[in-house]
Amino acid sequence: MERMRLDGRAALVTGAGQGIGRAFAHALGEAGASVAVADLDEKRARRVADELGDKKIEAIALAVDVTDPVAVDAMVADTVTQLGGLQIAVNNAGLNRNSAAEETALEEWDEMFAINTRAVFRCCQAQARAMLPAGYGKIVNTASMASLIVPHPQKQAAYNASKAAVVQLTRTLAAEWADRGVRVNCMSPGIIRTAMIDQSEALAPLVEEWLGQIPMGRLGDVTDLQAGIVYLAGEASDYMTGHNLIIEGGQTLW
């Protein structure tokens, strides 16, 4: 189990102010890493960093718009400066909107790809520039089971396509950097119960239908993803790169 420990390593998590990103930040910190909590909302980032501090985990809060390339460079530089390096990066910030394909505005399509795909590439690029000289690093991108199946009944062509692009981007970067010590993997969660679902009037009525599509008969919890992120971030997964770890209660089986 020592290979699952992250002691002495610095981790950066985007979209860490709530939901899945917050769970990732807690898991990495509990495994021994110091954590840079990055989020568009500074108050949310600070709140999570304070939660980690209460657990005696070294943490900093960073307010970052991941669609801004300059802000992304600053985020990585601040992490390296304040935490003493960067060995783990989790690119989790993302967006989902639902609309029928024939009604999806190009502005919505572009916004989805700007956040879910372009920003992930830009983050990976900046993170790798910090990791490659050291000959070691773990990058984990949050994709989605929507990269494998077409979730329904919600209509989300732009989201599905943007997350499928993340998987292929992950594989491509993994191939480029494998012989230089930087491992790049991604995780594809299924439908995870977060405040976004619980507080959405549009999504709440879909829950019963989703349950019928999941062999395990329940939505995922953020805690279902935590062991996976620690595994992908640590020494235990050193011989894995370009992999898409699917955690979805079996929904992609049907």
C-alpha atoms as a PDB file:
ATOM      1  CA  MET A   1       0.000   0.000   0.000  1.00  0.00           C
ATOM      2  CA  GLU A   2       2.987   2.330   0.265  1.00  0.00           C
ATOM      3  CA  ARG A   3       2.839   2.657  -3.530  1.00  0.00           C
ATOM      4  CA  MET A   4      -0.516   4.385  -3.068  1.00  0.00           C
ATOM      5  CA  ARG A   5       0.965   7.053  -0.816  1.00  0.00           C
ATOM      6  CA  LEU A   6       1.608  10.547  -2.216  1.00  0.00           C
ATOM      7  CA  ASP A   7       3.795  11.942   0.547  1.00  0.00           C
ATOM      8  CA  GLY A   8       6.121  14.713  -0.572  1.00  0.00           C
ATOM      9  CA  ARG A   9       4.272  15.339  -3.823  1.00  0.00           C
ATOM     10  CA  ALA A  10       2.479  18.478  -4.928  1.00  0.00           C
ATOM     11  CA  ALA A  11      -0.886  18.166  -6.675  1.00  0.00           C
ATOM     12  CA  LEU A  12      -2.918  20.674  -8.666  1.00  0.00           C
ATOM     13  CA  VAL A  13      -6.668  20.146  -9.177  1.00  0.00           C
ATOM     14  CA  THR A  14      -8.784  22.387 -11.413  1.00  0.00           C
ATOM     15  CA  GLY A  15     -12.501  22.759 -10.826  1.00  0.00           C
ATOM     16  CA  ALA A  16     -11.767  21.768  -7.241  1.00  0.00           C
ATOM     17  CA  GLY A  17     -14.190  24.128  -5.533  1.00  0.00           C
ATOM     18  CA  GLN A  18     -17.075  21.675  -5.476  1.00  0.00           C
ATOM     19  CA  GLY A  19     -18.356  18.270  -6.511  1.00  0.00           C
ATOM     20  CA  ILE A  20     -15.941  15.802  -8.081  1.00  0.00           C
ATOM     21  CA  GLY A  21     -12.998  18.208  -8.021  1.00  0.00           C
ATOM     22  CA  ARG A  22     -13.428  18.819  -4.310  1.00  0.00           C
ATOM     23  CA  ALA A  23     -13.516  15.053  -3.692  1.00  0.00           C
ATOM     24  CA  PHE A  24     -10.326  14.654  -5.733  1.00  0.00           C
ATOM     25  CA  ALA A  25      -8.560  17.371  -3.725  1.00  0.00           C
ATOM     26  CA  HIS A  26      -9.510  15.701  -0.443  1.00  0.00           C
ATOM     27  CA  ALA A  27      -8.445  12.251  -1.635  1.00  0.00           C
ATOM     28  CA  LEU A  28      -5.046  13.412  -2.869  1.00  0.00           C
ATOM     29  CA  GLY A  29      -4.453  15.374   0.323  1.00  0.00           C
ATOM     30  CA  GLU A  30      -5.447  12.463   2.552  1.00  0.00           C
ATOM     31  CA  ALA A  31      -2.994  10.274   0.603  1.00  0.00           C
ATOM     32  CA  GLY A  32      -0.195  12.661   1.568  1.00  0.00           C
ATOM     33  CA  ALA A  33       0.040  15.251  -1.204  1.00  0.00           C
ATOM     34  CA  SER A  34       0.014  18.987  -0.772  1.00  0.00           C
ATOM     35  CA  VAL A  35      -2.774  20.421  -2.911  1.00  0.00           C
ATOM     36  CA  ALA A  36      -3.363  23.516  -5.021  1.00  0.00           C
ATOM     37  CA  VAL A  37      -7.135  23.981  -5.154  1.00  0.00           C
ATOM     38  CA  ALA A  38      -7.926  25.833  -8.381  1.00  0.00           C
ATOM     39  CA  ASP A  39     -11.394  27.074  -9.271  1.00  0.00           C
ATOM     40  CA  LEU A  40     -13.042  29.881 -11.199  1.00  0.00           C
ATOM     41  CA  ASP A  41     -14.735  30.928  -7.953  1.00  0.00           C
ATOM     42  CA  GLU A  42     -12.114  32.115  -5.454  1.00  0.00           C
ATOM     43  CA  LYS A  43     -14.439  31.703  -2.472  1.00  0.00           C
ATOM     44  CA  ARG A  44     -15.113  28.070  -3.310  1.00  0.00           C
ATOM     45  CA  ALA A  45     -11.409  27.398  -3.779  1.00  0.00           C
ATOM     46  CA  ARG A  46     -10.608  29.017  -0.438  1.00  0.00           C
ATOM     47  CA  ARG A  47     -13.327  27.041   1.337  1.00  0.00           C
ATOM     48  CA  VAL A  48     -11.936  23.720   0.080  1.00  0.00           C
ATOM     49  CA  ALA A  49      -8.364  24.741   0.887  1.00  0.00           C
ATOM     50  CA  ASP A  50      -9.526  25.569   4.411  1.00  0.00           C
ATOM     51  CA  GLU A  51     -11.212  22.154   4.682  1.00  0.00           C
ATOM     52  CA  LEU A  52      -7.911  20.532   3.774  1.00  0.00           C
ATOM     53  CA  GLY A  53      -6.089  22.741   6.238  1.00  0.00           C
ATOM     54  CA  ASP A  54      -8.432  21.533   8.966  1.00  0.00           C
ATOM     55  CA  LYS A  55      -7.151  18.013   8.186  1.00  0.00           C
ATOM     56  CA  LYS A  56      -3.546  19.232   8.538  1.00  0.00           C
ATOM     57  CA  ILE A  57      -3.058  19.004   4.765  1.00  0.00           C
ATOM     58  CA  GLU A  58      -0.951  21.718   3.136  1.00  0.00           C
ATOM     59  CA  ALA A  59      -3.192  23.495   0.633  1.00  0.00           C
ATOM     60  CA  ILE A  60      -3.409  26.722  -1.323  1.00  0.00           C
ATOM     61  CA  ALA A  61      -6.364  28.306  -3.139  1.00  0.00           C
ATOM     62  CA  LEU A  62      -6.040  29.666  -6.672  1.00  0.00           C
ATOM     63  CA  ALA A  63      -8.689  31.591  -8.596  1.00  0.00           C
ATOM     64  CA  VAL A  64      -8.253  30.557 -12.233  1.00  0.00           C
ATOM     65  CA  ASP A  65     -10.158  30.819 -15.492  1.00  0.00           C
ATOM     66  CA  VAL A  66      -8.782  27.771 -17.322  1.00  0.00           C
ATOM     67  CA  THR A  67      -9.859  29.189 -20.689  1.00  0.00           C
ATOM     68  CA  ASP A  68      -7.284  31.978 -20.229  1.00  0.00           C
ATOM     69  CA  PRO A  69      -3.843  30.684 -21.348  1.00  0.00           C
ATOM     70  CA  VAL A  70      -2.013  33.347 -19.332  1.00  0.00           C
ATOM     71  CA  ALA A  71      -3.959  32.427 -16.193  1.00  0.00           C
ATOM     72  CA  VAL A  72      -3.134  28.754 -16.751  1.00  0.00           C
ATOM     73  CA  ASP A  73       0.593  29.493 -16.896  1.00  0.00           C
ATOM     74  CA  ALA A  74       0.280  31.562 -13.722  1.00  0.00           C
ATOM     75  CA  MET A  75      -1.631  28.739 -11.998  1.00  0.00           C
ATOM     76  CA  VAL A  76       1.162  26.265 -12.686  1.00  0.00           C
ATOM     77  CA  ALA A  77       3.861  28.770 -11.708  1.00  0.00           C
ATOM     78  CA  ASP A  78       2.065  29.614  -8.448  1.00  0.00           C
ATOM     79  CA  THR A  79       1.729  25.916  -7.609  1.00  0.00           C
ATOM     80  CA  VAL A  80       5.424  25.272  -8.216  1.00  0.00           C
ATOM     81  CA  THR A  81       6.454  28.340  -6.230  1.00  0.00           C
ATOM     82  CA  GLN A  82       4.144  27.846  -3.257  1.00  0.00           C
ATOM     83  CA  LEU A  83       4.189  24.036  -3.001  1.00  0.00           C
ATOM     84  CA  GLY A  84       7.767  23.482  -4.126  1.00  0.00           C
ATOM     85  CA  GLY A  85       7.042  21.641  -7.351  1.00  0.00           C
ATOM     86  CA  LEU A  86       4.373  19.878  -9.372  1.00  0.00           C
ATOM     87  CA  GLN A  87       4.194  16.094  -9.618  1.00  0.00           C
ATOM     88  CA  ILE A  88       0.421  15.557  -9.973  1.00  0.00           C
ATOM     89  CA  ALA A  89      -2.102  17.503 -12.044  1.00  0.00           C
ATOM     90  CA  VAL A  90      -5.810  16.763 -12.326  1.00  0.00           C
ATOM     91  CA  ASN A  91      -7.671  18.666 -15.034  1.00  0.00           C
ATOM     92  CA  ASN A  92     -11.229  18.431 -13.838  1.00  0.00           C
ATOM     93  CA  ALA A  93     -12.811  21.812 -14.661  1.00  0.00           C
ATOM     94  CA  GLY A  94     -15.636  21.338 -17.139  1.00  0.00           C
ATOM     95  CA  LEU A  95     -19.087  22.365 -18.295  1.00  0.00           C
ATOM     96  CA  ASN A  96     -22.227  20.618 -19.506  1.00  0.00           C
ATOM     97  CA  ARG A  97     -25.236  22.073 -21.270  1.00  0.00           C
ATOM     98  CA  ASN A  98     -28.154  20.177 -22.773  1.00  0.00           C
ATOM     99  CA  SER A  99     -29.760  21.024 -26.084  1.00  0.00           C
ATOM    100  CA  ALA A 100     -31.079  19.143 -29.095  1.00  0.00           C
ATOM    101  CA  ALA A 101     -28.419  18.924 -31.798  1.00  0.00           C
ATOM    102  CA  GLU A 102     -30.528  20.732 -34.390  1.00  0.00           C
ATOM    103  CA  GLU A 103     -31.005  23.594 -31.939  1.00  0.00           C
ATOM    104  CA  THR A 104     -27.460  23.802 -30.504  1.00  0.00           C
ATOM    105  CA  ALA A 105     -26.009  27.241 -31.175  1.00  0.00           C
ATOM    106  CA  LEU A 106     -22.433  27.397 -32.400  1.00  0.00           C
ATOM    107  CA  GLU A 107     -21.709  29.644 -29.427  1.00  0.00           C
ATOM    108  CA  GLU A 108     -22.727  26.809 -27.105  1.00  0.00           C
ATOM    109  CA  TRP A 109     -20.605  24.327 -29.086  1.00  0.00           C
ATOM    110  CA  ASP A 110     -17.593  26.632 -28.968  1.00  0.00           C
ATOM    111  CA  GLU A 111     -18.042  27.296 -25.235  1.00  0.00           C
ATOM    112  CA  MET A 112     -18.178  23.560 -24.511  1.00  0.00           C
ATOM    113  CA  PHE A 113     -14.996  22.841 -26.442  1.00  0.00           C
ATOM    114  CA  ALA A 114     -13.234  25.908 -25.029  1.00  0.00           C
ATOM    115  CA  ILE A 115     -13.675  24.657 -21.464  1.00  0.00           C
ATOM    116  CA  ASN A 116     -13.849  20.876 -21.816  1.00  0.00           C
ATOM    117  CA  THR A 117     -11.194  20.338 -24.495  1.00  0.00           C
ATOM    118  CA  ARG A 118      -9.099  23.378 -25.396  1.00  0.00           C
ATOM    119  CA  ALA A 119      -8.533  24.325 -21.755  1.00  0.00           C
ATOM    120  CA  VAL A 120      -7.616  20.747 -20.871  1.00  0.00           C
ATOM    121  CA  PHE A 121      -4.968  20.762 -23.601  1.00  0.00           C
ATOM    122  CA  ARG A 122      -3.628  24.114 -22.444  1.00  0.00           C
ATOM    123  CA  CYS A 123      -3.452  22.915 -18.843  1.00  0.00           C
ATOM    124  CA  CYS A 124      -1.688  19.697 -19.871  1.00  0.00           C
ATOM    125  CA  GLN A 125       0.783  21.710 -21.916  1.00  0.00           C
ATOM    126  CA  ALA A 126       1.652  24.065 -19.071  1.00  0.00           C
ATOM    127  CA  GLN A 127       1.826  21.219 -16.548  1.00  0.00           C
ATOM    128  CA  ALA A 128       4.071  19.102 -18.763  1.00  0.00           C
ATOM    129  CA  ARG A 129       6.463  22.002 -19.221  1.00  0.00           C
ATOM    130  CA  ALA A 130       6.943  21.917 -15.439  1.00  0.00           C
ATOM    131  CA  MET A 131       7.157  18.105 -15.237  1.00  0.00           C
ATOM    132  CA  LEU A 132       9.234  17.116 -18.267  1.00  0.00           C
ATOM    133  CA  PRO A 133      12.499  18.698 -17.075  1.00  0.00           C
ATOM    134  CA  ALA A 134      12.197  16.626 -13.880  1.00  0.00           C
ATOM    135  CA  GLY A 135      11.499  13.459 -15.858  1.00  0.00           C
ATOM    136  CA  TYR A 136       8.397  12.621 -13.821  1.00  0.00           C
ATOM    137  CA  GLY A 137       4.763  13.602 -13.518  1.00  0.00           C
ATOM    138  CA  LYS A 138       1.196  12.321 -13.424  1.00  0.00           C
ATOM    139  CA  ILE A 139      -1.532  14.124 -15.365  1.00  0.00           C
ATOM    140  CA  VAL A 140      -5.136  12.965 -15.046  1.00  0.00           C
ATOM    141  CA  ASN A 141      -7.924  14.448 -17.161  1.00  0.00           C
ATOM    142  CA  THR A 142     -11.604  14.133 -16.296  1.00  0.00           C
ATOM    143  CA  ALA A 143     -13.474  12.781 -19.306  1.00  0.00           C
ATOM    144  CA  SER A 144     -16.904  11.122 -19.082  1.00  0.00           C
ATOM    145  CA  MET A 145     -18.707   7.912 -19.925  1.00  0.00           C
ATOM    146  CA  ALA A 146     -20.258  10.149 -22.615  1.00  0.00           C
ATOM    147  CA  SER A 147     -17.005   9.555 -24.488  1.00  0.00           C
ATOM    148  CA  LEU A 148     -18.102   5.905 -24.867  1.00  0.00           C
ATOM    149  CA  ILE A 149     -21.896   5.904 -25.112  1.00  0.00           C
ATOM    150  CA  VAL A 150     -24.622   8.438 -25.849  1.00  0.00           C
ATOM    151  CA  PRO A 151     -26.274   9.080 -22.468  1.00  0.00           C
ATOM    152  CA  HIS A 152     -30.011   9.578 -22.711  1.00  0.00           C
ATOM    153  CA  PRO A 153     -32.645  10.937 -22.622  1.00  0.00           C
ATOM    154  CA  GLN A 154     -30.715  14.197 -22.196  1.00  0.00           C
ATOM    155  CA  LYS A 155     -29.446  15.668 -25.466  1.00  0.00           C
ATOM    156  CA  GLN A 156     -25.873  16.909 -25.304  1.00  0.00           C
ATOM    157  CA  ALA A 157     -24.027  16.483 -28.575  1.00  0.00           C
ATOM    158  CA  ALA A 158     -21.456  19.177 -27.832  1.00  0.00           C
ATOM    159  CA  TYR A 159     -20.637  17.773 -24.407  1.00  0.00           C
ATOM    160  CA  ASN A 160     -20.332  14.205 -25.689  1.00  0.00           C
ATOM    161  CA  ALA A 161     -18.026  15.237 -28.506  1.00  0.00           C
ATOM    162  CA  SER A 162     -15.875  17.433 -26.255  1.00  0.00           C
ATOM    163  CA  LYS A 163     -15.352  14.609 -23.762  1.00  0.00           C
ATOM    164  CA  ALA A 164     -14.558  12.077 -26.490  1.00  0.00           C
ATOM    165  CA  ALA A 165     -11.898  14.533 -27.641  1.00  0.00           C
ATOM    166  CA  VAL A 166     -10.423  14.555 -24.122  1.00  0.00           C
ATOM    167  CA  VAL A 167      -9.906  10.782 -24.264  1.00  0.00           C
ATOM    168  CA  GLN A 168      -8.054  10.933 -27.581  1.00  0.00           C
ATOM    169  CA  LEU A 169      -6.076  13.965 -26.429  1.00  0.00           C
ATOM    170  CA  THR A 170      -5.058  11.994 -23.338  1.00  0.00           C
ATOM    171  CA  ARG A 171      -3.898   9.048 -25.458  1.00  0.00           C
ATOM    172  CA  THR A 172      -1.945  11.320 -27.782  1.00  0.00           C
ATOM    173  CA  LEU A 173      -0.126  13.173 -25.007  1.00  0.00           C
ATOM    174  CA  ALA A 174       0.555   9.868 -23.246  1.00  0.00           C
ATOM    175  CA  ALA A 175       2.279   8.553 -26.348  1.00  0.00           C
ATOM    176  CA  GLU A 176       4.352  11.719 -26.802  1.00  0.00           C
ATOM    177  CA  TRP A 177       5.560  11.926 -23.201  1.00  0.00           C
ATOM    178  CA  ALA A 178       5.795   8.242 -22.183  1.00  0.00           C
ATOM    179  CA  ASP A 179       9.556   7.999 -22.701  1.00  0.00           C
ATOM    180  CA  ARG A 180      10.114  11.231 -20.774  1.00  0.00           C
ATOM    181  CA  GLY A 181       8.542  10.130 -17.507  1.00  0.00           C
ATOM    182  CA  VAL A 182       5.196  11.944 -17.674  1.00  0.00           C
ATOM    183  CA  ARG A 183       2.151   9.663 -17.519  1.00  0.00           C
ATOM    184  CA  VAL A 184      -1.169  10.945 -18.869  1.00  0.00           C
ATOM    185  CA  ASN A 185      -4.404   9.123 -18.099  1.00  0.00           C
ATOM    186  CA  CYS A 186      -8.052  10.053 -17.810  1.00  0.00           C
ATOM    187  CA  MET A 187     -11.076   9.045 -15.775  1.00  0.00           C
ATOM    188  CA  SER A 188     -14.574   8.678 -17.187  1.00  0.00           C
ATOM    189  CA  PRO A 189     -17.182   8.936 -14.435  1.00  0.00           C
ATOM    190  CA  GLY A 190     -20.766   7.964 -14.997  1.00  0.00           C
ATOM    191  CA  ILE A 191     -23.636   9.936 -13.504  1.00  0.00           C
ATOM    192  CA  ILE A 192     -22.378  11.168 -10.163  1.00  0.00           C
ATOM    193  CA  ARG A 193     -24.776  12.584  -7.611  1.00  0.00           C
ATOM    194  CA  THR A 194     -23.639  16.130  -6.892  1.00  0.00           C
ATOM    195  CA  ALA A 195     -25.342  19.415  -6.070  1.00  0.00           C
ATOM    196  CA  MET A 196     -25.621  20.054  -9.818  1.00  0.00           C
ATOM    197  CA  ILE A 197     -28.096  17.180 -10.087  1.00  0.00           C
ATOM    198  CA  ASP A 198     -29.794  17.612  -6.736  1.00  0.00           C
ATOM    199  CA  GLN A 199     -30.407  21.331  -7.282  1.00  0.00           C
ATOM    200  CA  SER A 200     -31.375  21.201 -10.972  1.00  0.00           C
ATOM    201  CA  GLU A 201     -35.076  21.302 -11.760  1.00  0.00           C
ATOM    202  CA  ALA A 202     -34.328  20.048 -15.273  1.00  0.00           C
ATOM    203  CA  LEU A 203     -32.217  17.054 -14.244  1.00  0.00           C
ATOM    204  CA  ALA A 204     -34.030  15.877 -11.115  1.00  0.00           C
ATOM    205  CA  PRO A 205     -36.921  14.254 -13.081  1.00  0.00           C
ATOM    206  CA  LEU A 206     -34.391  12.207 -15.090  1.00  0.00           C
ATOM    207  CA  VAL A 207     -32.894  10.426 -12.093  1.00  0.00           C
ATOM    208  CA  GLU A 208     -35.409   7.566 -12.040  1.00  0.00           C
ATOM    209  CA  GLU A 209     -34.864   6.958 -15.737  1.00  0.00           C
ATOM    210  CA  TRP A 210     -31.090   6.925 -15.282  1.00  0.00           C
ATOM    211  CA  LEU A 211     -31.371   4.411 -12.447  1.00  0.00           C
ATOM    212  CA  GLY A 212     -33.027   2.003 -14.854  1.00  0.00           C
ATOM    213  CA  GLN A 213     -30.014   2.278 -17.166  1.00  0.00           C
ATOM    214  CA  ILE A 214     -27.386   1.456 -14.518  1.00  0.00           C
ATOM    215  CA  PRO A 215     -26.831  -2.246 -13.698  1.00  0.00           C
ATOM    216  CA  MET A 216     -25.843  -1.373 -10.122  1.00  0.00           C
ATOM    217  CA  GLY A 217     -29.128   0.477  -9.664  1.00  0.00           C
ATOM    218  CA  ARG A 218     -27.772   3.701  -8.185  1.00  0.00           C
ATOM    219  CA  LEU A 219     -26.030   6.895  -9.138  1.00  0.00           C
ATOM    220  CA  GLY A 220     -22.371   7.221  -8.274  1.00  0.00           C
ATOM    221  CA  ASP A 221     -21.106   9.164  -5.286  1.00  0.00           C
ATOM    222  CA  VAL A 222     -17.991  11.314  -5.414  1.00  0.00           C
ATOM    223  CA  THR A 223     -16.423   8.889  -2.939  1.00  0.00           C
ATOM    224  CA  ASP A 224     -16.656   6.172  -5.617  1.00  0.00           C
ATOM    225  CA  LEU A 225     -14.032   8.085  -7.612  1.00  0.00           C
ATOM    226  CA  GLN A 226     -11.526   8.867  -4.890  1.00  0.00           C
ATOM    227  CA  ALA A 227      -9.516   5.636  -4.845  1.00  0.00           C
ATOM    228  CA  GLY A 228      -9.221   5.838  -8.617  1.00  0.00           C
ATOM    229  CA  ILE A 229      -7.702   9.303  -8.590  1.00  0.00           C
ATOM    230  CA  VAL A 230      -5.195   8.315  -5.899  1.00  0.00           C
ATOM    231  CA  TYR A 231      -4.205   5.254  -7.929  1.00  0.00           C
ATOM    232  CA  LEU A 232      -3.714   7.264 -11.128  1.00  0.00           C
ATOM    233  CA  ALA A 233      -1.729   9.913  -9.248  1.00  0.00           C
ATOM    234  CA  GLY A 234       0.663   7.586  -7.464  1.00  0.00           C
ATOM    235  CA  GLU A 235       3.524   5.172  -7.975  1.00  0.00           C
ATOM    236  CA  ALA A 236       1.145   2.219  -8.181  1.00  0.00           C
ATOM    237  CA  SER A 237       0.120   3.279 -11.717  1.00  0.00           C
ATOM    238  CA  ASP A 238       3.630   3.992 -13.020  1.00  0.00           C
ATOM    239  CA  TYR A 239       3.255   1.372 -15.786  1.00  0.00           C
ATOM    240  CA  MET A 240      -0.054   2.832 -17.010  1.00  0.00           C
ATOM    241  CA  THR A 241      -0.409   5.643 -19.510  1.00  0.00           C
ATOM    242  CA  GLY A 242      -3.024   6.616 -22.066  1.00  0.00           C
ATOM    243  CA  HIS A 243      -5.679   4.734 -20.105  1.00  0.00           C
ATOM    244  CA  ASN A 244      -9.314   5.745 -19.639  1.00  0.00           C
ATOM    245  CA  LEU A 245     -10.499   4.549 -16.220  1.00  0.00           C
ATOM    246  CA  ILE A 246     -14.272   4.073 -16.431  1.00  0.00           C
ATOM    247  CA  ILE A 247     -16.247   4.278 -13.179  1.00  0.00           C
ATOM    248  CA  GLU A 248     -19.954   4.256 -14.024  1.00  0.00           C
ATOM    249  CA  GLY A 249     -21.746   1.451 -12.189  1.00  0.00           C
ATOM    250  CA  GLY A 250     -21.778  -0.635 -15.364  1.00  0.00           C
ATOM    251  CA  GLN A 251     -23.875   1.830 -17.398  1.00  0.00           C
ATOM    252  CA  THR A 252     -21.704   1.478 -20.511  1.00  0.00           C
ATOM    253  CA  LEU A 253     -22.345  -2.294 -20.537  1.00  0.00           C
ATOM    254  CA  TRP A 254     -25.932  -1.934 -21.803  1.00  0.00           C
END
